[in-house]
């Protein structure tokens, strides 16, 4: 028996089940990256953009921890934006 067979038995369409699945996947990823961003926001008491501008303004001073945090935060920030866009696309997909 396949997943498609089970879905038919319970009266669900494959496309609806798939849309629900990818919606949950996107929401989980959004939650993950929101949590990662929140850690940095709490640590530095500022937004990503403010932190990025501040670190870039003092590039001549070496702060390994801040540089590493900037890379990690930027990854989480971009991933969060990307997954929010994907969620919007999923919601409006046929």
PDB file of N, CA and C in Angstrom:
ATOM      1  N   UNK A   1       0.852  -1.173   0.000  1.00  0.00           N
ATOM      2  CA  UNK A   1       0.000   0.000   0.000  1.00  0.00           C
ATOM      3  C   UNK A   1       0.904   1.244   0.000  1.00  0.00           C
ATOM      4  N   UNK A   2       0.539   2.208  -0.805  1.00  0.00           N
ATOM      5  CA  UNK A   2       1.324   3.433  -0.911  1.00  0.00           C
ATOM      6  C   UNK A   2       0.679   4.552  -0.107  1.00  0.00           C
ATOM      7  N   UNK A   3       1.416   5.617   0.064  1.00  0.00           N
ATOM      8  CA  UNK A   3       0.875   6.801   0.736  1.00  0.00           C
ATOM      9  C   UNK A   3      -0.324   7.328  -0.042  1.00  0.00           C
ATOM     10  N   UNK A   4      -0.232   7.325  -1.365  1.00  0.00           N
ATOM     11  CA  UNK A   4      -1.348   7.780  -2.200  1.00  0.00           C
ATOM     12  C   UNK A   4      -2.594   6.932  -1.943  1.00  0.00           C
ATOM     13  N   UNK A   5      -2.409   5.623  -1.789  1.00  0.00           N
ATOM     14  CA  UNK A   5      -3.542   4.737  -1.493  1.00  0.00           C
ATOM     15  C   UNK A   5      -4.175   5.097  -0.151  1.00  0.00           C
ATOM     16  N   UNK A   6      -3.353   5.323   0.834  1.00  0.00           N
ATOM     17  CA  UNK A   6      -3.858   5.677   2.168  1.00  0.00           C
ATOM     18  C   UNK A   6      -4.607   7.003   2.117  1.00  0.00           C
ATOM     19  N   UNK A   7      -4.049   7.968   1.419  1.00  0.00           N
ATOM     20  CA  UNK A   7      -4.724   9.260   1.304  1.00  0.00           C
ATOM     21  C   UNK A   7      -6.089   9.104   0.650  1.00  0.00           C
ATOM     22  N   UNK A   8      -6.177   8.296  -0.389  1.00  0.00           N
ATOM     23  CA  UNK A   8      -7.469   8.066  -1.050  1.00  0.00           C
ATOM     24  C   UNK A   8      -8.448   7.389  -0.091  1.00  0.00           C
ATOM     25  N   UNK A   9      -7.965   6.444   0.698  1.00  0.00           N
ATOM     26  CA  UNK A   9      -8.834   5.733   1.638  1.00  0.00           C
ATOM     27  C   UNK A   9      -9.424   6.671   2.684  1.00  0.00           C
ATOM     28  N   UNK A  10      -8.653   7.660   3.085  1.00  0.00           N
ATOM     29  CA  UNK A  10      -9.148   8.587   4.113  1.00  0.00           C
ATOM     30  C   UNK A  10      -9.789   9.828   3.500  1.00  0.00           C
ATOM     31  N   UNK A  11      -9.882   9.847   2.182  1.00  0.00           N
ATOM     32  CA  UNK A  11     -10.583  10.934   1.510  1.00  0.00           C
ATOM     33  C   UNK A  11      -9.783  12.205   1.325  1.00  0.00           C
ATOM     34  N   UNK A  12      -8.472  12.103   1.331  1.00  0.00           N
ATOM     35  CA  UNK A  12      -7.613  13.277   1.142  1.00  0.00           C
ATOM     36  C   UNK A  12      -7.018  13.269  -0.258  1.00  0.00           C
ATOM     37  N   UNK A  13      -6.880  14.444  -0.827  1.00  0.00           N
ATOM     38  CA  UNK A  13      -6.220  14.573  -2.120  1.00  0.00           C
ATOM     39  C   UNK A  13      -4.716  14.694  -1.893  1.00  0.00           C
ATOM     40  N   UNK A  14      -3.948  14.113  -2.796  1.00  0.00           N
ATOM     41  CA  UNK A  14      -2.489  14.174  -2.678  1.00  0.00           C
ATOM     42  C   UNK A  14      -1.997  15.615  -2.679  1.00  0.00           C
ATOM     43  N   UNK A  15      -2.564  16.439  -3.535  1.00  0.00           N
ATOM     44  CA  UNK A  15      -2.101  17.827  -3.635  1.00  0.00           C
ATOM     45  C   UNK A  15      -2.360  18.596  -2.346  1.00  0.00           C
ATOM     46  N   UNK A  16      -3.488  18.331  -1.701  1.00  0.00           N
ATOM     47  CA  UNK A  16      -3.805  19.003  -0.436  1.00  0.00           C
ATOM     48  C   UNK A  16      -2.851  18.528   0.660  1.00  0.00           C
ATOM     49  N   UNK A  17      -2.620  17.226   0.716  1.00  0.00           N
ATOM     50  CA  UNK A  17      -1.708  16.676   1.723  1.00  0.00           C
ATOM     51  C   UNK A  17      -0.297  17.208   1.519  1.00  0.00           C
ATOM     52  N   UNK A  18       0.131  17.290   0.267  1.00  0.00           N
ATOM     53  CA  UNK A  18       1.469  17.807  -0.018  1.00  0.00           C
ATOM     54  C   UNK A  18       1.586  19.273   0.384  1.00  0.00           C
ATOM     55  N   UNK A  19       0.567  20.059   0.077  1.00  0.00           N
ATOM     56  CA  UNK A  19       0.590  21.480   0.440  1.00  0.00           C
ATOM     57  C   UNK A  19       0.641  21.642   1.959  1.00  0.00           C
ATOM     58  N   UNK A  20      -0.135  20.833   2.677  1.00  0.00           N
ATOM     59  CA  UNK A  20      -0.110  20.891   4.139  1.00  0.00           C
ATOM     60  C   UNK A  20       1.269  20.499   4.669  1.00  0.00           C
ATOM     61  N   UNK A  21       1.862  19.491   4.069  1.00  0.00           N
ATOM     62  CA  UNK A  21       3.185  19.034   4.513  1.00  0.00           C
ATOM     63  C   UNK A  21       4.243  20.119   4.312  1.00  0.00           C
ATOM     64  N   UNK A  22       4.286  20.716   3.126  1.00  0.00           N
ATOM     65  CA  UNK A  22       5.314  21.728   2.884  1.00  0.00           C
ATOM     66  C   UNK A  22       5.039  22.996   3.685  1.00  0.00           C
ATOM     67  N   UNK A  23       3.772  23.264   3.995  1.00  0.00           N
ATOM     68  CA  UNK A  23       3.452  24.394   4.874  1.00  0.00           C
ATOM     69  C   UNK A  23       4.032  24.154   6.262  1.00  0.00           C
ATOM     70  N   UNK A  24       3.837  22.950   6.784  1.00  0.00           N
ATOM     71  CA  UNK A  24       4.393  22.619   8.103  1.00  0.00           C
ATOM     72  C   UNK A  24       5.917  22.643   8.091  1.00  0.00           C
ATOM     73  N   UNK A  25       6.512  22.166   7.014  1.00  0.00           N
ATOM     74  CA  UNK A  25       7.966  22.207   6.875  1.00  0.00           C
ATOM     75  C   UNK A  25       8.458  23.652   6.909  1.00  0.00           C
ATOM     76  N   UNK A  26       7.812  24.520   6.151  1.00  0.00           N
ATOM     77  CA  UNK A  26       8.206  25.930   6.116  1.00  0.00           C
ATOM     78  C   UNK A  26       8.033  26.579   7.485  1.00  0.00           C
ATOM     79  N   UNK A  27       6.924  26.298   8.156  1.00  0.00           N
ATOM     80  CA  UNK A  27       6.694  26.874   9.486  1.00  0.00           C
ATOM     81  C   UNK A  27       7.754  26.406  10.483  1.00  0.00           C
ATOM     82  N   UNK A  28       8.158  25.152  10.386  1.00  0.00           N
ATOM     83  CA  UNK A  28       9.205  24.635  11.279  1.00  0.00           C
ATOM     84  C   UNK A  28      10.529  25.337  11.021  1.00  0.00           C
ATOM     85  N   UNK A  29      10.875  25.528   9.764  1.00  0.00           N
ATOM     86  CA  UNK A  29      12.124  26.214   9.438  1.00  0.00           C
ATOM     87  C   UNK A  29      12.070  27.676   9.873  1.00  0.00           C
ATOM     88  N   UNK A  30      10.934  28.317   9.676  1.00  0.00           N
ATOM     89  CA  UNK A  30      10.778  29.707  10.114  1.00  0.00           C
ATOM     90  C   UNK A  30      10.979  29.799  11.618  1.00  0.00           C
ATOM     91  N   UNK A  31      10.359  28.894  12.349  1.00  0.00           N
ATOM     92  CA  UNK A  31      10.502  28.884  13.804  1.00  0.00           C
ATOM     93  C   UNK A  31      11.962  28.699  14.210  1.00  0.00           C
ATOM     94  N   UNK A  32      12.648  27.801  13.542  1.00  0.00           N
ATOM     95  CA  UNK A  32      14.062  27.543  13.839  1.00  0.00           C
ATOM     96  C   UNK A  32      14.906  28.797  13.633  1.00  0.00           C
ATOM     97  N   UNK A  33      14.743  29.448  12.487  1.00  0.00           N
ATOM     98  CA  UNK A  33      15.574  30.611  12.187  1.00  0.00           C
ATOM     99  C   UNK A  33      15.153  31.840  12.991  1.00  0.00           C
ATOM    100  N   UNK A  34      13.876  31.942  13.354  1.00  0.00           N
ATOM    101  CA  UNK A  34      13.463  33.013  14.260  1.00  0.00           C
ATOM    102  C   UNK A  34      14.148  32.850  15.612  1.00  0.00           C
ATOM    103  N   UNK A  35      14.219  31.616  16.088  1.00  0.00           N
ATOM    104  CA  UNK A  35      14.869  31.345  17.373  1.00  0.00           C
ATOM    105  C   UNK A  35      16.356  31.677  17.311  1.00  0.00           C
ATOM    106  N   UNK A  36      17.016  31.310  16.212  1.00  0.00           N
ATOM    107  CA  UNK A  36      18.438  31.625  16.070  1.00  0.00           C
ATOM    108  C   UNK A  36      18.660  33.133  16.045  1.00  0.00           C
ATOM    109  N   UNK A  37      17.823  33.846  15.315  1.00  0.00           N
ATOM    110  CA  UNK A  37      17.953  35.306  15.255  1.00  0.00           C
ATOM    111  C   UNK A  37      17.688  35.931  16.624  1.00  0.00           C
ATOM    112  N   UNK A  38      16.725  35.386  17.353  1.00  0.00           N
ATOM    113  CA  UNK A  38      16.385  35.919  18.671  1.00  0.00           C
ATOM    114  C   UNK A  38      17.557  35.808  19.646  1.00  0.00           C
ATOM    115  N   UNK A  39      18.342  34.752  19.526  1.00  0.00           N
ATOM    116  CA  UNK A  39      19.519  34.592  20.390  1.00  0.00           C
ATOM    117  C   UNK A  39      20.484  35.753  20.175  1.00  0.00           C
ATOM    118  N   UNK A  40      20.744  36.084  18.918  1.00  0.00           N
ATOM    119  CA  UNK A  40      21.665  37.177  18.616  1.00  0.00           C
ATOM    120  C   UNK A  40      21.066  38.533  18.988  1.00  0.00           C
ATOM    121  N   UNK A  41      19.756  38.699  18.764  1.00  0.00           N
ATOM    122  CA  UNK A  41      19.104  39.955  19.145  1.00  0.00           C
ATOM    123  C   UNK A  41      19.202  40.177  20.649  1.00  0.00           C
ATOM    124  N   UNK A  42      19.040  39.116  21.421  1.00  0.00           N
ATOM    125  CA  UNK A  42      19.154  39.228  22.875  1.00  0.00           C
ATOM    126  C   UNK A  42      20.606  39.475  23.291  1.00  0.00           C
ATOM    127  N   UNK A  43      21.526  38.800  22.645  1.00  0.00           N
ATOM    128  CA  UNK A  43      22.946  38.934  22.991  1.00  0.00           C
ATOM    129  C   UNK A  43      23.455  40.350  22.733  1.00  0.00           C
ATOM    130  N   UNK A  44      23.068  40.928  21.608  1.00  0.00           N
ATOM    131  CA  UNK A  44      23.593  42.241  21.225  1.00  0.00           C
ATOM    132  C   UNK A  44      22.602  43.384  21.431  1.00  0.00           C
ATOM    133  N   UNK A  45      21.381  43.076  21.817  1.00  0.00           N
ATOM    134  CA  UNK A  45      20.339  44.080  22.085  1.00  0.00           C
ATOM    135  C   UNK A  45      20.161  45.050  20.917  1.00  0.00           C
ATOM    136  N   UNK A  46      20.180  44.488  19.707  1.00  0.00           N
ATOM    137  CA  UNK A  46      19.948  45.296  18.512  1.00  0.00           C
ATOM    138  C   UNK A  46      19.512  44.385  17.369  1.00  0.00           C
ATOM    139  N   UNK A  47      18.997  45.002  16.324  1.00  0.00           N
ATOM    140  CA  UNK A  47      18.548  44.240  15.162  1.00  0.00           C
ATOM    141  C   UNK A  47      19.740  43.760  14.343  1.00  0.00           C
ATOM    142  N   UNK A  48      19.473  42.835  13.436  1.00  0.00           N
ATOM    143  CA  UNK A  48      20.528  42.336  12.562  1.00  0.00           C
ATOM    144  C   UNK A  48      21.144  43.469  11.752  1.00  0.00           C
ATOM    145  N   UNK A  49      20.315  44.299  11.143  1.00  0.00           N
ATOM    146  CA  UNK A  49      20.827  45.378  10.289  1.00  0.00           C
ATOM    147  C   UNK A  49      21.696  46.357  11.076  1.00  0.00           C
ATOM    148  N   UNK A  50      21.273  46.705  12.279  1.00  0.00           N
ATOM    149  CA  UNK A  50      22.057  47.614  13.113  1.00  0.00           C
ATOM    150  C   UNK A  50      23.395  46.978  13.479  1.00  0.00           C
ATOM    151  N   UNK A  51      23.357  45.711  13.863  1.00  0.00           N
ATOM    152  CA  UNK A  51      24.582  44.992  14.215  1.00  0.00           C
ATOM    153  C   UNK A  51      25.523  44.910  13.015  1.00  0.00           C
ATOM    154  N   UNK A  52      24.977  44.544  11.861  1.00  0.00           N
ATOM    155  CA  UNK A  52      25.797  44.419  10.647  1.00  0.00           C
ATOM    156  C   UNK A  52      26.477  45.740  10.311  1.00  0.00           C
ATOM    157  N   UNK A  53      25.724  46.825  10.374  1.00  0.00           N
ATOM    158  CA  UNK A  53      26.295  48.142  10.069  1.00  0.00           C
ATOM    159  C   UNK A  53      27.385  48.511  11.073  1.00  0.00           C
ATOM    160  N   UNK A  54      27.140  48.204  12.348  1.00  0.00           N
ATOM    161  CA  UNK A  54      28.123  48.534  13.385  1.00  0.00           C
ATOM    162  C   UNK A  54      29.417  47.743  13.188  1.00  0.00           C
ATOM    163  N   UNK A  55      29.295  46.466  12.895  1.00  0.00           N
ATOM    164  CA  UNK A  55      30.483  45.624  12.706  1.00  0.00           C
ATOM    165  C   UNK A  55      31.236  46.040  11.445  1.00  0.00           C
ATOM    166  N   UNK A  56      30.522  46.350  10.398  1.00  0.00           N
ATOM    167  CA  UNK A  56      31.182  46.782   9.162  1.00  0.00           C
ATOM    168  C   UNK A  56      31.869  48.133   9.333  1.00  0.00           C
ATOM    169  N   UNK A  57      31.343  48.968  10.206  1.00  0.00           N
ATOM    170  CA  UNK A  57      31.943  50.285  10.447  1.00  0.00           C
ATOM    171  C   UNK A  57      33.265  50.178  11.201  1.00  0.00           C
ATOM    172  N   UNK A  58      33.448  49.105  11.951  1.00  0.00           N
ATOM    173  CA  UNK A  58      34.686  48.938  12.726  1.00  0.00           C
ATOM    174  C   UNK A  58      35.516  47.779  12.186  1.00  0.00           C
ATOM    175  N   UNK A  59      35.498  47.578  10.875  1.00  0.00           N
ATOM    176  CA  UNK A  59      36.220  46.466  10.250  1.00  0.00           C
ATOM    177  C   UNK A  59      37.707  46.465  10.580  1.00  0.00           C
ATOM    178  N   UNK A  60      38.280  47.629  10.821  1.00  0.00           N
ATOM    179  CA  UNK A  60      39.716  47.702  11.114  1.00  0.00           C
ATOM    180  C   UNK A  60      40.061  47.119  12.487  1.00  0.00           C
ATOM    181  N   UNK A  61      39.059  46.960  13.349  1.00  0.00           N
ATOM    182  CA  UNK A  61      39.275  46.346  14.660  1.00  0.00           C
ATOM    183  C   UNK A  61      38.873  44.871  14.565  1.00  0.00           C
ATOM    184  N   UNK A  62      39.739  44.015  15.025  1.00  0.00           N
ATOM    185  CA  UNK A  62      39.435  42.591  14.935  1.00  0.00           C
ATOM    186  C   UNK A  62      38.641  42.143  16.153  1.00  0.00           C
ATOM    187  N   UNK A  63      37.483  41.591  15.896  1.00  0.00           N
ATOM    188  CA  UNK A  63      36.645  41.003  16.934  1.00  0.00           C
ATOM    189  C   UNK A  63      36.125  39.681  16.362  1.00  0.00           C
ATOM    190  N   UNK A  64      36.866  38.629  16.626  1.00  0.00           N
ATOM    191  CA  UNK A  64      36.578  37.329  16.025  1.00  0.00           C
ATOM    192  C   UNK A  64      35.175  36.852  16.392  1.00  0.00           C
ATOM    193  N   UNK A  65      34.798  37.009  17.648  1.00  0.00           N
ATOM    194  CA  UNK A  65      33.480  36.548  18.076  1.00  0.00           C
ATOM    195  C   UNK A  65      32.378  37.307  17.347  1.00  0.00           C
ATOM    196  N   UNK A  66      32.501  38.623  17.273  1.00  0.00           N
ATOM    197  CA  UNK A  66      31.486  39.422  16.586  1.00  0.00           C
ATOM    198  C   UNK A  66      31.443  39.091  15.095  1.00  0.00           C
ATOM    199  N   UNK A  67      32.605  38.888  14.491  1.00  0.00           N
ATOM    200  CA  UNK A  67      32.640  38.518  13.069  1.00  0.00           C
ATOM    201  C   UNK A  67      31.971  37.161  12.836  1.00  0.00           C
ATOM    202  N   UNK A  68      32.259  36.204  13.705  1.00  0.00           N
ATOM    203  CA  UNK A  68      31.624  34.888  13.589  1.00  0.00           C
ATOM    204  C   UNK A  68      30.117  34.990  13.798  1.00  0.00           C
ATOM    205  N   UNK A  69      29.722  35.771  14.807  1.00  0.00           N
ATOM    206  CA  UNK A  69      28.295  35.958  15.063  1.00  0.00           C
ATOM    207  C   UNK A  69      27.611  36.636  13.880  1.00  0.00           C
ATOM    208  N   UNK A  70      28.295  37.581  13.269  1.00  0.00           N
ATOM    209  CA  UNK A  70      27.716  38.253  12.105  1.00  0.00           C
ATOM    210  C   UNK A  70      27.458  37.244  10.986  1.00  0.00           C
ATOM    211  N   UNK A  71      28.416  36.381  10.723  1.00  0.00           N
ATOM    212  CA  UNK A  71      28.219  35.373   9.664  1.00  0.00           C
ATOM    213  C   UNK A  71      27.066  34.428  10.002  1.00  0.00           C
ATOM    214  N   UNK A  72      27.029  33.968  11.254  1.00  0.00           N
ATOM    215  CA  UNK A  72      25.959  33.052  11.665  1.00  0.00           C
ATOM    216  C   UNK A  72      24.600  33.739  11.637  1.00  0.00           C
ATOM    217  N   UNK A  73      24.561  34.972  12.140  1.00  0.00           N
ATOM    218  CA  UNK A  73      23.308  35.721  12.186  1.00  0.00           C
ATOM    219  C   UNK A  73      22.834  36.038  10.771  1.00  0.00           C
ATOM    220  N   UNK A  74      23.762  36.404   9.908  1.00  0.00           N
ATOM    221  CA  UNK A  74      23.383  36.715   8.527  1.00  0.00           C
ATOM    222  C   UNK A  74      22.804  35.480   7.836  1.00  0.00           C
ATOM    223  N   UNK A  75      23.406  34.328   8.074  1.00  0.00           N
ATOM    224  CA  UNK A  75      22.868  33.094   7.498  1.00  0.00           C
ATOM    225  C   UNK A  75      21.447  32.855   7.996  1.00  0.00           C
ATOM    226  N   UNK A  76      21.244  32.953   9.314  1.00  0.00           N
ATOM    227  CA  UNK A  76      19.920  32.721   9.892  1.00  0.00           C
ATOM    228  C   UNK A  76      18.918  33.759   9.392  1.00  0.00           C
ATOM    229  N   UNK A  77      19.348  35.007   9.299  1.00  0.00           N
ATOM    230  CA  UNK A  77      18.479  36.092   8.831  1.00  0.00           C
ATOM    231  C   UNK A  77      18.040  35.853   7.383  1.00  0.00           C
ATOM    232  N   UNK A  78      18.988  35.515   6.532  1.00  0.00           N
ATOM    233  CA  UNK A  78      18.659  35.264   5.117  1.00  0.00           C
ATOM    234  C   UNK A  78      17.786  34.017   4.968  1.00  0.00           C
ATOM    235  N   UNK A  79      18.094  32.996   5.738  1.00  0.00           N
ATOM    236  CA  UNK A  79      17.287  31.776   5.685  1.00  0.00           C
ATOM    237  C   UNK A  79      15.861  32.066   6.140  1.00  0.00           C
ATOM    238  N   UNK A  80      15.720  32.867   7.188  1.00  0.00           N
ATOM    239  CA  UNK A  80      14.396  33.239   7.678  1.00  0.00           C
ATOM    240  C   UNK A  80      13.609  33.971   6.600  1.00  0.00           C
ATOM    241  N   UNK A  81      14.224  34.952   5.969  1.00  0.00           N
ATOM    242  CA  UNK A  81      13.545  35.685   4.901  1.00  0.00           C
ATOM    243  C   UNK A  81      13.174  34.752   3.748  1.00  0.00           C
ATOM    244  N   UNK A  82      14.082  33.867   3.402  1.00  0.00           N
ATOM    245  CA  UNK A  82      13.821  32.924   2.317  1.00  0.00           C
ATOM    246  C   UNK A  82      12.658  31.990   2.611  1.00  0.00           C
ATOM    247  N   UNK A  83      12.613  31.469   3.832  1.00  0.00           N
ATOM    248  CA  UNK A  83      11.518  30.565   4.187  1.00  0.00           C
ATOM    249  C   UNK A  83      10.196  31.307   4.309  1.00  0.00           C
ATOM    250  N   UNK A  84      10.220  32.561   4.735  1.00  0.00           N
ATOM    251  CA  UNK A  84       8.979  33.350   4.746  1.00  0.00           C
ATOM    252  C   UNK A  84       8.458  33.554   3.325  1.00  0.00           C
ATOM    253  N   UNK A  85       9.361  33.804   2.390  1.00  0.00           N
ATOM    254  CA  UNK A  85       8.956  33.936   0.985  1.00  0.00           C
ATOM    255  C   UNK A  85       8.387  32.621   0.461  1.00  0.00           C
ATOM    256  N   UNK A  86       9.035  31.516   0.806  1.00  0.00           N
ATOM    257  CA  UNK A  86       8.539  30.210   0.376  1.00  0.00           C
ATOM    258  C   UNK A  86       7.152  29.944   0.949  1.00  0.00           C
ATOM    259  N   UNK A  87       6.943  30.302   2.217  1.00  0.00           N
ATOM    260  CA  UNK A  87       5.636  30.094   2.832  1.00  0.00           C
ATOM    261  C   UNK A  87       4.571  30.908   2.113  1.00  0.00           C
ATOM    262  N   UNK A  88       4.875  32.147   1.778  1.00  0.00           N
ATOM    263  CA  UNK A  88       3.920  32.961   1.017  1.00  0.00           C
ATOM    264  C   UNK A  88       3.603  32.306  -0.321  1.00  0.00           C
ATOM    265  N   UNK A  89       4.624  31.804  -0.997  1.00  0.00           N
ATOM    266  CA  UNK A  89       4.411  31.143  -2.289  1.00  0.00           C
ATOM    267  C   UNK A  89       3.556  29.890  -2.123  1.00  0.00           C
ATOM    268  N   UNK A  90       3.798  29.139  -1.068  1.00  0.00           N
ATOM    269  CA  UNK A  90       3.021  27.925  -0.806  1.00  0.00           C
ATOM    270  C   UNK A  90       1.561  28.283  -0.565  1.00  0.00           C
ATOM    271  N   UNK A  91       1.324  29.323   0.213  1.00  0.00           N
ATOM    272  CA  UNK A  91      -0.052  29.713   0.547  1.00  0.00           C
ATOM    273  C   UNK A  91      -0.857  30.104  -0.684  1.00  0.00           C
ATOM    274  N   UNK A  92      -0.196  30.696  -1.662  1.00  0.00           N
ATOM    275  CA  UNK A  92      -0.903  31.155  -2.854  1.00  0.00           C
ATOM    276  C   UNK A  92      -0.791  30.179  -4.019  1.00  0.00           C
ATOM    277  N   UNK A  93      -0.126  29.060  -3.809  1.00  0.00           N
ATOM    278  CA  UNK A  93       0.002  28.054  -4.871  1.00  0.00           C
ATOM    279  C   UNK A  93      -1.324  27.321  -5.049  1.00  0.00           C
ATOM    280  N   UNK A  94      -1.558  26.934  -6.266  1.00  0.00           N
ATOM    281  CA  UNK A  94      -2.810  26.214  -6.565  1.00  0.00           C
ATOM    282  C   UNK A  94      -2.738  24.783  -6.090  1.00  0.00           C
TER     283      UNK A  94
END
